[in-house]
C-alpha atoms as a PDB file:
ATOM      1  CA  MET A   1     157.513-132.745 118.083  1.00  0.00           C
ATOM      2  CA  LEU A   2     154.656-133.151 119.998  1.00  0.00           C
ATOM      3  CA  PHE A   3     155.858-134.251 122.787  1.00  0.00           C
ATOM      4  CA  ILE A   4     158.577-131.221 122.625  1.00  0.00           C
ATOM      5  CA  LEU A   5     155.685-128.627 122.272  1.00  0.00           C
ATOM      6  CA  PHE A   6     153.939-130.357 125.532  1.00  0.00           C
ATOM      7  CA  ILE A   7     157.611-130.234 127.091  1.00  0.00           C
ATOM      8  CA  GLU A   8     157.887-126.005 126.563  1.00  0.00           C
ATOM      9  CA  PHE A   9     154.259-125.392 127.430  1.00  0.00           C
ATOM     10  CA  MET A  10     154.945-126.976 130.584  1.00  0.00           C
ATOM     11  CA  ARG A  11     157.747-125.158 131.118  1.00  0.00           C
ATOM     12  CA  ILE A  12     156.141-122.291 130.846  1.00  0.00           C
ATOM     13  CA  PHE A  13     152.970-122.648 132.715  1.00  0.00           C
ATOM     14  CA  ALA A  14     155.599-123.608 135.934  1.00  0.00           C
ATOM     15  CA  LEU A  15     157.334-120.336 135.254  1.00  0.00           C
ATOM     16  CA  VAL A  16     153.876-118.595 134.961  1.00  0.00           C
ATOM     17  CA  LEU A  17     152.959-120.755 138.037  1.00  0.00           C
ATOM     18  CA  GLN A  18     155.706-119.721 140.419  1.00  0.00           C
ATOM     19  CA  LEU A  19     155.497-116.141 139.532  1.00  0.00           C
ATOM     20  CA  GLY A  20     151.901-116.013 139.840  1.00  0.00           C
ATOM     21  CA  CYS A  21     152.998-117.593 143.377  1.00  0.00           C
ATOM     22  CA  LEU A  22     155.362-114.956 144.139  1.00  0.00           C
ATOM     23  CA  ALA A  23     152.375-112.287 143.344  1.00  0.00           C
ATOM     24  CA  PHE A  24     150.009-114.119 145.664  1.00  0.00           C
ATOM     25  CA  ALA A  25     152.023-114.035 148.526  1.00  0.00           C
ATOM     26  CA  LEU A  26     153.043-110.695 147.703  1.00  0.00           C
ATOM     27  CA  TYR A  27     149.577-109.402 148.261  1.00  0.00           C
ATOM     28  CA  LEU A  28     148.518-111.401 150.825  1.00  0.00           C
ATOM     29  CA  SER A  29     151.097-110.149 152.668  1.00  0.00           C
ATOM     30  CA  TYR A  30     150.228-106.546 151.873  1.00  0.00           C
ATOM     31  CA  LYS A  31     146.619-107.461 152.935  1.00  0.00           C
ATOM     32  CA  VAL A  32     147.889-108.747 156.469  1.00  0.00           C
ATOM     33  CA  GLY A  33     149.909-105.852 157.112  1.00  0.00           C
ATOM     34  CA  LEU A  34     147.592-103.506 156.265  1.00  0.00           C
ATOM     35  CA  SER A  35     144.620-105.280 158.441  1.00  0.00           C
ATOM     36  CA  LEU A  36     147.249-105.347 161.399  1.00  0.00           C
ATOM     37  CA  TYR A  37     148.185-101.499 160.311  1.00  0.00           C
ATOM     38  CA  GLN A  38     144.225-100.782 160.442  1.00  0.00           C
ATOM     39  CA  ASN A  39     143.708-103.056 163.454  1.00  0.00           C
ATOM     40  CA  ASP A  40     140.606-104.466 161.792  1.00  0.00           C
ATOM     41  CA  TYR A  41     140.920-108.074 160.996  1.00  0.00           C
ATOM     42  CA  VAL A  42     139.390-111.460 162.085  1.00  0.00           C
ATOM     43  CA  LEU A  43     141.930-113.871 163.849  1.00  0.00           C
ATOM     44  CA  MET A  44     141.187-116.802 162.280  1.00  0.00           C
ATOM     45  CA  GLU A  45     140.915-115.585 158.681  1.00  0.00           C
ATOM     46  CA  LEU A  46     144.704-113.587 159.243  1.00  0.00           C
ATOM     47  CA  VAL A  47     145.625-117.326 160.422  1.00  0.00           C
ATOM     48  CA  ALA A  48     144.750-118.504 156.984  1.00  0.00           C
ATOM     49  CA  ASN A  49     146.079-115.984 154.786  1.00  0.00           C
ATOM     50  CA  ILE A  50     149.388-116.444 156.816  1.00  0.00           C
ATOM     51  CA  GLY A  51     149.245-119.980 156.070  1.00  0.00           C
ATOM     52  CA  THR A  52     148.572-119.344 152.643  1.00  0.00           C
ATOM     53  CA  ILE A  53     151.469-117.264 152.554  1.00  0.00           C
ATOM     54  CA  LEU A  54     153.704-119.895 153.335  1.00  0.00           C
ATOM     55  CA  ILE A  55     152.023-122.412 151.200  1.00  0.00           C
ATOM     56  CA  CYS A  56     152.675-119.913 148.264  1.00  0.00           C
ATOM     57  CA  ILE A  57     156.556-119.881 149.364  1.00  0.00           C
ATOM     58  CA  ASP A  58     156.888-123.586 149.611  1.00  0.00           C
ATOM     59  CA  LEU A  59     155.582-124.106 146.254  1.00  0.00           C
ATOM     60  CA  GLY A  60     157.317-121.126 144.484  1.00  0.00           C
ATOM     61  CA  THR A  61     160.601-122.422 145.544  1.00  0.00           C
ATOM     62  CA  PHE A  62     159.798-125.858 145.531  1.00  0.00           C
ATOM     63  CA  LEU A  63     159.470-124.991 140.891  1.00  0.00           C
ATOM     64  CA  PHE A  64     161.602-122.676 141.595  1.00  0.00           C
ATOM     65  CA  SER A  65     164.534-125.511 142.471  1.00  0.00           C
ATOM     66  CA  SER A  66     162.717-127.998 140.416  1.00  0.00           C
ATOM     67  CA  ASN A  67     163.744-126.108 136.732  1.00  0.00           C
ATOM     68  CA  THR A  68     165.870-127.459 134.795  1.00  0.00           C
ATOM     69  CA  LYS A  69     166.932-126.348 131.153  1.00  0.00           C
ATOM     70  CA  ASP A  70     167.475-129.450 129.083  1.00  0.00           C
ATOM     71  CA  GLY A  71     165.616-132.614 129.701  1.00  0.00           C
ATOM     72  CA  ILE A  72     167.303-135.849 131.998  1.00  0.00           C
ATOM     73  CA  SER A  73     167.453-139.097 131.191  1.00  0.00           C
ATOM     74  CA  LEU A  74     165.253-141.690 133.637  1.00  0.00           C
ATOM     75  CA  GLU A  75     168.783-142.792 134.962  1.00  0.00           C
ATOM     76  CA  GLN A  76     169.590-139.225 135.958  1.00  0.00           C
ATOM     77  CA  TYR A  77     165.852-138.497 137.209  1.00  0.00           C
ATOM     78  CA  ALA A  78     166.695-141.563 139.809  1.00  0.00           C
ATOM     79  CA  LYS A  79     169.843-140.263 140.939  1.00  0.00           C
ATOM     80  CA  GLN A  80     168.400-136.710 140.975  1.00  0.00           C
ATOM     81  CA  LEU A  81     165.785-138.276 143.468  1.00  0.00           C
ATOM     82  CA  ASP A  82     168.307-140.315 145.505  1.00  0.00           C
ATOM     83  CA  GLN A  83     169.934-137.517 146.806  1.00  0.00           C
ATOM     84  CA  PRO A  84     168.594-135.041 149.790  1.00  0.00           C
ATOM     85  CA  PRO A  85     166.708-131.824 148.847  1.00  0.00           C
ATOM     86  CA  SER A  86     168.939-128.636 149.399  1.00  0.00           C
ATOM     87  CA  LYS A  87     168.591-127.010 152.936  1.00  0.00           C
ATOM     88  CA  LEU A  88     166.142-123.890 151.428  1.00  0.00           C
ATOM     89  CA  VAL A  89     163.744-126.579 149.871  1.00  0.00           C
ATOM     90  CA  ASN A  90     164.115-128.456 153.299  1.00  0.00           C
ATOM     91  CA  VAL A  91     162.970-125.637 155.439  1.00  0.00           C
ATOM     92  CA  THR A  92     160.559-123.718 152.958  1.00  0.00           C
ATOM     93  CA  ARG A  93     159.408-127.766 152.943  1.00  0.00           C
ATOM     94  CA  LYS A  94     158.178-127.693 156.589  1.00  0.00           C
ATOM     95  CA  LEU A  95     157.054-123.771 156.141  1.00  0.00           C
ATOM     96  CA  GLY A  96     154.920-124.753 154.024  1.00  0.00           C
ATOM     97  CA  HIS A  97     153.607-127.556 156.459  1.00  0.00           C
ATOM     98  CA  LEU A  98     153.435-125.114 158.579  1.00  0.00           C
ATOM     99  CA  GLY A  99     151.175-122.977 156.767  1.00  0.00           C
ATOM    100  CA  ILE A 100     149.086-126.495 155.679  1.00  0.00           C
ATOM    101  CA  MET A 101     147.937-126.581 159.931  1.00  0.00           C
ATOM    102  CA  LEU A 102     147.674-123.079 160.121  1.00  0.00           C
ATOM    103  CA  ILE A 103     144.907-123.612 157.684  1.00  0.00           C
ATOM    104  CA  ILE A 104     142.957-126.034 158.753  1.00  0.00           C
ATOM    105  CA  CYS A 105     143.156-124.508 162.404  1.00  0.00           C
ATOM    106  CA  SER A 106     141.585-121.720 161.003  1.00  0.00           C
ATOM    107  CA  TRP A 107     138.848-123.859 159.486  1.00  0.00           C
ATOM    108  CA  VAL A 108     138.757-126.173 162.710  1.00  0.00           C
ATOM    109  CA  VAL A 109     138.775-124.129 165.463  1.00  0.00           C
ATOM    110  CA  PRO A 110     135.404-121.474 165.077  1.00  0.00           C
ATOM    111  CA  LEU A 111     133.658-124.844 164.620  1.00  0.00           C
ATOM    112  CA  ILE A 112     134.887-125.860 168.486  1.00  0.00           C
END
């Protein structure tokens, strides 16, 4: 009984996290667009915000693609791991890696 409640809690938490990623990406997109429109921005801060947007898109897509309604057995999970990810997940994963690199560059470049 406790395990079923935990599974339901994690499912709800994943949905809230997914919607939170979408909302945060939209907020940062608005913030980046507004700062570019007003021509009032710091370049490295802008790069870090764009990297964060890409990471939020990657996390939201991952949570959406891994969303399952029913629990699966260990054998089905092993079969699922053997299959390559979809094209959308693969592209957003690469965008997430680009976002991480942008954030790292925005921290390292001012130190140099």
